[in-house]
Amino acid sequence: MRVIARLAAFALLAGIAIVLVVQVWFLGQVLWLARNDPASTAFMDARLETLRARAALAGQHPDRARLSHAWVPYQRISAQLKRAVVAAEDARFLEHGGLDWDAIERALEKNQRRGRVVAGASTITQQLAKNLFLSGARSWMRKAQEAIIAWMLEATLSKRRILELYLNVAEWGEGVFGAQAAAEYHFATSAAALSAHQAAWLAAILPSPRRYARGGSTPYLERRVEIILQRMRSARIP
């Protein structure tokens, strides 16, 4: 029994040590982001692998698959897009510390009333954490890690930097990542020149960016764009 207890204790300590090492690695990556722009993210790499596999199935060389992505600094991104994304995805972005507990409570209540998951409460910071480092698989372990990384991001980076990173790595179409690539792909313009309506449209498709054609529309999307345009008037950005 003593041997089993010692082995169990050793296994527990080893597990804790591994978890701590992983968290230190994530913290190091977050600190690096304070002064460096990522060329890619975990989510971008996963999408590229999917596109390469699809190309191979179609009889094409996998290397023909490419992502569309170009980094642009915060000041070269339309303020309209910043307001639209905050209004659509995280109205309390400037107020919370990574997790919006009020939004989480409202989402839980709504899901409980409907008897199924119909609402989420991920903040921009949580979405950034997932896009940068994690897989798209849904599990409580992944959500817990997402929350920890979100806390690291909020503790070490400014809100301006977090939003800059998010706008540059968010997906806006099949293989289209970041505000500059999105503006070019959907509207043949630059991230700096996006109009209020174009910005609201881009914000509206964020939950399902590969579902919509270039600059296209649906009755649902039109309603969503109008709601975002109204909310943009009071949206606060860093």
Protein backbone atom coordinates (compact mmCIF):
# COMPACT_ATOMS: atom_id res chain seq x y z
CA MET A 1 0.00 0.00 0.00
CA ARG A 2 2.84 2.39 0.82
CA VAL A 3 4.42 1.74 -2.57
CA ILE A 4 1.11 2.45 -4.33
CA ALA A 5 0.63 5.62 -2.30
CA ARG A 6 4.14 6.80 -3.15
CA LEU A 7 3.61 6.08 -6.83
CA ALA A 8 0.31 7.96 -6.77
CA ALA A 9 1.94 10.92 -5.04
CA PHE A 10 4.79 10.89 -7.55
CA ALA A 11 2.36 10.75 -10.46
CA LEU A 12 0.40 13.67 -8.99
CA LEU A 13 3.53 15.77 -8.51
CA ALA A 14 4.74 14.91 -12.00
CA GLY A 15 1.38 15.94 -13.43
CA ILE A 16 1.45 19.24 -11.55
CA ALA A 17 5.01 19.88 -12.75
CA ILE A 18 4.03 19.26 -16.37
CA VAL A 19 1.05 21.61 -16.06
CA LEU A 20 3.28 24.31 -14.57
CA VAL A 21 5.87 23.91 -17.34
CA VAL A 22 3.12 24.25 -19.96
CA GLN A 23 1.82 27.42 -18.30
CA VAL A 24 5.32 28.90 -18.16
CA TRP A 25 5.70 28.16 -21.88
CA PHE A 26 2.41 29.90 -22.65
CA LEU A 27 3.43 32.89 -20.51
CA GLY A 28 6.70 33.14 -22.39
CA GLN A 29 4.82 33.19 -25.69
CA VAL A 30 2.45 35.87 -24.41
CA LEU A 31 5.35 38.04 -23.23
CA TRP A 32 6.98 37.65 -26.65
CA LEU A 33 3.78 38.99 -28.25
CA ALA A 34 4.14 42.28 -26.40
CA ARG A 35 6.78 43.39 -28.90
CA ASN A 36 6.51 40.91 -31.76
CA ASP A 37 3.84 40.27 -34.40
CA PRO A 38 3.05 36.59 -34.97
CA ALA A 39 3.48 35.36 -38.54
CA SER A 40 0.99 32.58 -37.89
CA THR A 41 -1.23 31.08 -35.18
CA ALA A 42 -2.34 27.60 -34.15
CA PHE A 43 -5.70 28.16 -35.83
CA MET A 44 -4.11 29.44 -39.03
CA ASP A 45 -1.80 26.41 -39.13
CA ALA A 46 -4.78 24.08 -38.69
CA ARG A 47 -6.70 25.77 -41.50
CA LEU A 48 -3.69 25.54 -43.80
CA GLU A 49 -3.40 21.81 -43.12
CA THR A 50 -7.09 21.42 -43.98
CA LEU A 51 -6.65 23.32 -47.24
CA ARG A 52 -3.60 21.25 -48.13
CA ALA A 53 -5.47 18.01 -47.46
CA ARG A 54 -8.35 19.24 -49.61
CA ALA A 55 -5.94 20.13 -52.42
CA ALA A 56 -4.36 16.68 -52.25
CA LEU A 57 -7.78 15.02 -52.52
CA ALA A 58 -8.48 17.14 -55.58
CA GLY A 59 -5.30 15.87 -57.21
CA GLN A 60 -3.42 19.14 -56.71
CA HIS A 61 -0.06 19.65 -55.04
CA PRO A 62 -0.65 20.44 -51.33
CA ASP A 63 1.81 23.33 -51.48
CA ARG A 64 -0.59 25.17 -53.78
CA ALA A 65 -2.81 25.80 -50.77
CA ARG A 66 -2.14 29.24 -49.33
CA LEU A 67 -3.53 31.49 -46.63
CA SER A 68 -4.25 35.13 -47.33
CA HIS A 69 -2.77 37.19 -44.50
CA ALA A 70 -0.92 40.49 -44.16
CA TRP A 71 -0.16 42.19 -40.86
CA VAL A 72 -1.17 45.82 -40.45
CA PRO A 73 -0.49 47.96 -37.37
CA TYR A 74 -3.32 49.20 -35.18
CA GLN A 75 -3.29 52.73 -36.58
CA ARG A 76 -3.80 51.41 -40.12
CA ILE A 77 -7.00 49.58 -39.24
CA SER A 78 -10.26 51.49 -39.66
CA ALA A 79 -11.72 52.73 -36.40
CA GLN A 80 -15.05 51.61 -37.86
CA LEU A 81 -13.87 47.99 -37.86
CA LYS A 82 -12.57 48.28 -34.30
CA ARG A 83 -15.93 49.62 -33.12
CA ALA A 84 -17.87 47.04 -35.14
CA VAL A 85 -15.92 44.08 -33.75
CA VAL A 86 -16.16 45.32 -30.17
CA ALA A 87 -19.88 46.03 -30.59
CA ALA A 88 -20.54 42.60 -32.08
CA GLU A 89 -18.22 40.39 -30.05
CA ASP A 90 -17.42 42.01 -26.72
CA ALA A 91 -19.20 45.22 -25.71
CA ARG A 92 -17.46 45.26 -22.29
CA PHE A 93 -14.00 44.71 -23.78
CA LEU A 94 -12.46 47.70 -21.99
CA GLU A 95 -14.02 46.76 -18.65
CA HIS A 96 -13.36 43.06 -18.05
CA GLY A 97 -10.13 41.28 -17.21
CA GLY A 98 -10.36 38.60 -19.85
CA LEU A 99 -13.61 36.89 -18.86
CA ASP A 100 -16.94 38.70 -18.82
CA TRP A 101 -18.71 37.13 -15.85
CA ASP A 102 -21.94 39.05 -16.48
CA ALA A 103 -22.08 37.73 -20.05
CA ILE A 104 -21.31 34.22 -18.84
CA GLU A 105 -24.19 34.38 -16.35
CA ARG A 106 -26.60 35.64 -19.01
CA ALA A 107 -25.50 32.93 -21.44
CA LEU A 108 -25.97 30.19 -18.83
CA GLU A 109 -29.46 31.45 -18.02
CA LYS A 110 -30.40 31.61 -21.71
CA ASN A 111 -29.04 28.13 -22.40
CA GLN A 112 -30.89 26.77 -19.37
CA ARG A 113 -34.18 28.27 -20.58
CA ARG A 114 -33.73 26.81 -24.07
CA GLY A 115 -32.49 23.46 -22.80
CA ARG A 116 -29.50 23.55 -25.14
CA VAL A 117 -26.47 25.69 -25.92
CA VAL A 118 -27.70 28.68 -27.91
CA ALA A 119 -25.46 31.42 -26.52
CA GLY A 120 -21.79 31.77 -25.68
CA ALA A 121 -19.86 34.37 -23.75
CA SER A 122 -16.32 34.28 -25.10
CA THR A 123 -14.60 37.65 -24.96
CA ILE A 124 -12.26 38.99 -27.62
CA THR A 125 -9.39 38.06 -25.31
CA GLN A 126 -10.60 34.47 -24.99
CA GLN A 127 -11.06 34.19 -28.74
CA LEU A 128 -7.54 35.51 -29.25
CA ALA A 129 -6.15 32.98 -26.76
CA LYS A 130 -7.84 30.14 -28.64
CA ASN A 131 -6.77 31.38 -32.06
CA LEU A 132 -3.15 31.91 -31.04
CA PHE A 133 -2.43 28.72 -29.17
CA LEU A 134 -5.23 26.15 -29.00
CA SER A 135 -7.17 23.70 -31.15
CA GLY A 136 -10.79 24.08 -32.13
CA ALA A 137 -11.79 20.98 -30.13
CA ARG A 138 -14.39 21.69 -27.47
CA SER A 139 -13.68 20.42 -23.97
CA TRP A 140 -13.63 21.70 -20.42
CA MET A 141 -9.83 21.30 -20.34
CA ARG A 142 -9.44 23.49 -23.43
CA LYS A 143 -11.81 26.11 -22.03
CA ALA A 144 -9.86 26.16 -18.77
CA GLN A 145 -6.58 26.64 -20.65
CA GLU A 146 -8.21 29.33 -22.77
CA ALA A 147 -9.25 31.20 -19.62
CA ILE A 148 -5.73 30.98 -18.17
CA ILE A 149 -4.15 32.30 -21.36
CA ALA A 150 -6.76 35.07 -21.51
CA TRP A 151 -5.75 36.10 -18.00
CA MET A 152 -2.08 36.11 -19.08
CA LEU A 153 -2.89 38.28 -22.09
CA GLU A 154 -4.82 40.78 -19.97
CA ALA A 155 -2.11 40.85 -17.29
CA THR A 156 0.77 41.52 -19.66
CA LEU A 157 -0.62 43.30 -22.75
CA SER A 158 -2.58 46.49 -23.20
CA LYS A 159 -6.17 46.42 -24.48
CA ARG A 160 -4.93 48.16 -27.62
CA ARG A 161 -2.38 45.40 -28.27
CA ILE A 162 -4.93 42.66 -27.60
CA LEU A 163 -7.36 44.19 -30.09
CA GLU A 164 -4.55 44.73 -32.61
CA LEU A 165 -3.58 41.07 -32.38
CA TYR A 166 -7.17 39.90 -32.64
CA LEU A 167 -7.95 41.99 -35.72
CA ASN A 168 -4.83 40.67 -37.42
CA VAL A 169 -5.43 36.96 -36.82
CA ALA A 170 -9.23 36.60 -36.91
CA GLU A 171 -10.62 34.45 -39.73
CA TRP A 172 -12.79 36.25 -42.31
CA GLY A 173 -13.23 33.65 -45.04
CA GLU A 174 -11.77 30.43 -46.43
CA GLY A 175 -8.09 30.89 -45.73
CA VAL A 176 -8.57 34.65 -45.19
CA PHE A 177 -7.03 35.94 -41.97
CA GLY A 178 -6.71 39.43 -40.57
CA ALA A 179 -8.33 42.77 -41.32
CA GLN A 180 -6.15 43.63 -44.33
CA ALA A 181 -6.75 40.34 -46.15
CA ALA A 182 -10.46 40.53 -45.28
CA ALA A 183 -10.82 44.06 -46.65
CA GLU A 184 -9.04 43.11 -49.86
CA TYR A 185 -10.90 39.83 -50.32
CA HIS A 186 -14.44 41.01 -49.61
CA PHE A 187 -14.37 44.67 -50.67
CA ALA A 188 -11.21 45.26 -52.75
CA THR A 189 -10.05 47.94 -50.32
CA SER A 190 -7.63 48.30 -47.43
CA ALA A 191 -8.20 47.76 -43.72
CA ALA A 192 -7.76 51.50 -43.20
CA ALA A 193 -10.43 52.43 -45.75
CA LEU A 194 -13.30 50.21 -44.57
CA SER A 195 -16.61 52.03 -44.29
CA ALA A 196 -18.98 51.65 -41.35
CA HIS A 197 -21.26 49.29 -43.30
CA GLN A 198 -18.35 47.18 -44.57
CA ALA A 199 -16.93 46.99 -41.05
CA ALA A 200 -20.30 45.94 -39.62
CA TRP A 201 -20.59 43.26 -42.32
CA LEU A 202 -17.17 41.85 -41.45
CA ALA A 203 -18.06 41.84 -37.76
CA ALA A 204 -21.35 40.11 -38.51
CA ILE A 205 -19.71 37.13 -40.24
CA LEU A 206 -17.09 36.51 -37.54
CA PRO A 207 -19.00 33.62 -35.90
CA SER A 208 -19.16 31.71 -39.24
CA PRO A 209 -16.79 33.42 -41.66
CA ARG A 210 -16.60 30.62 -44.23
CA ARG A 211 -20.38 30.47 -44.67
CA TYR A 212 -20.72 33.72 -46.62
CA ALA A 213 -19.59 34.61 -50.13
CA ARG A 214 -17.51 37.69 -50.87
CA GLY A 215 -19.45 40.71 -49.69
CA GLY A 216 -22.67 38.72 -50.03
CA SER A 217 -25.78 39.06 -47.95
CA THR A 218 -28.75 37.22 -46.51
CA PRO A 219 -31.83 38.51 -44.65
CA TYR A 220 -30.26 37.37 -41.37
CA LEU A 221 -26.96 39.03 -42.20
CA GLU A 222 -28.67 42.28 -43.16
CA ARG A 223 -30.49 42.36 -39.81
CA ARG A 224 -27.27 41.58 -37.97
CA VAL A 225 -25.41 44.36 -39.78
CA GLU A 226 -28.09 46.90 -38.85
CA ILE A 227 -27.91 45.89 -35.19
CA ILE A 228 -24.12 46.22 -35.18
CA LEU A 229 -24.28 49.62 -36.86
CA GLN A 230 -26.57 50.85 -34.10
CA ARG A 231 -24.32 49.44 -31.37
CA MET A 232 -21.20 50.95 -32.94
CA ARG A 233 -22.36 54.43 -31.88
CA SER A 234 -21.69 53.61 -28.24
CA ALA A 235 -18.83 51.13 -28.68
CA ARG A 236 -15.65 52.12 -26.82
CA ILE A 237 -12.28 51.19 -28.24
CA PRO A 238 -8.72 51.57 -26.93
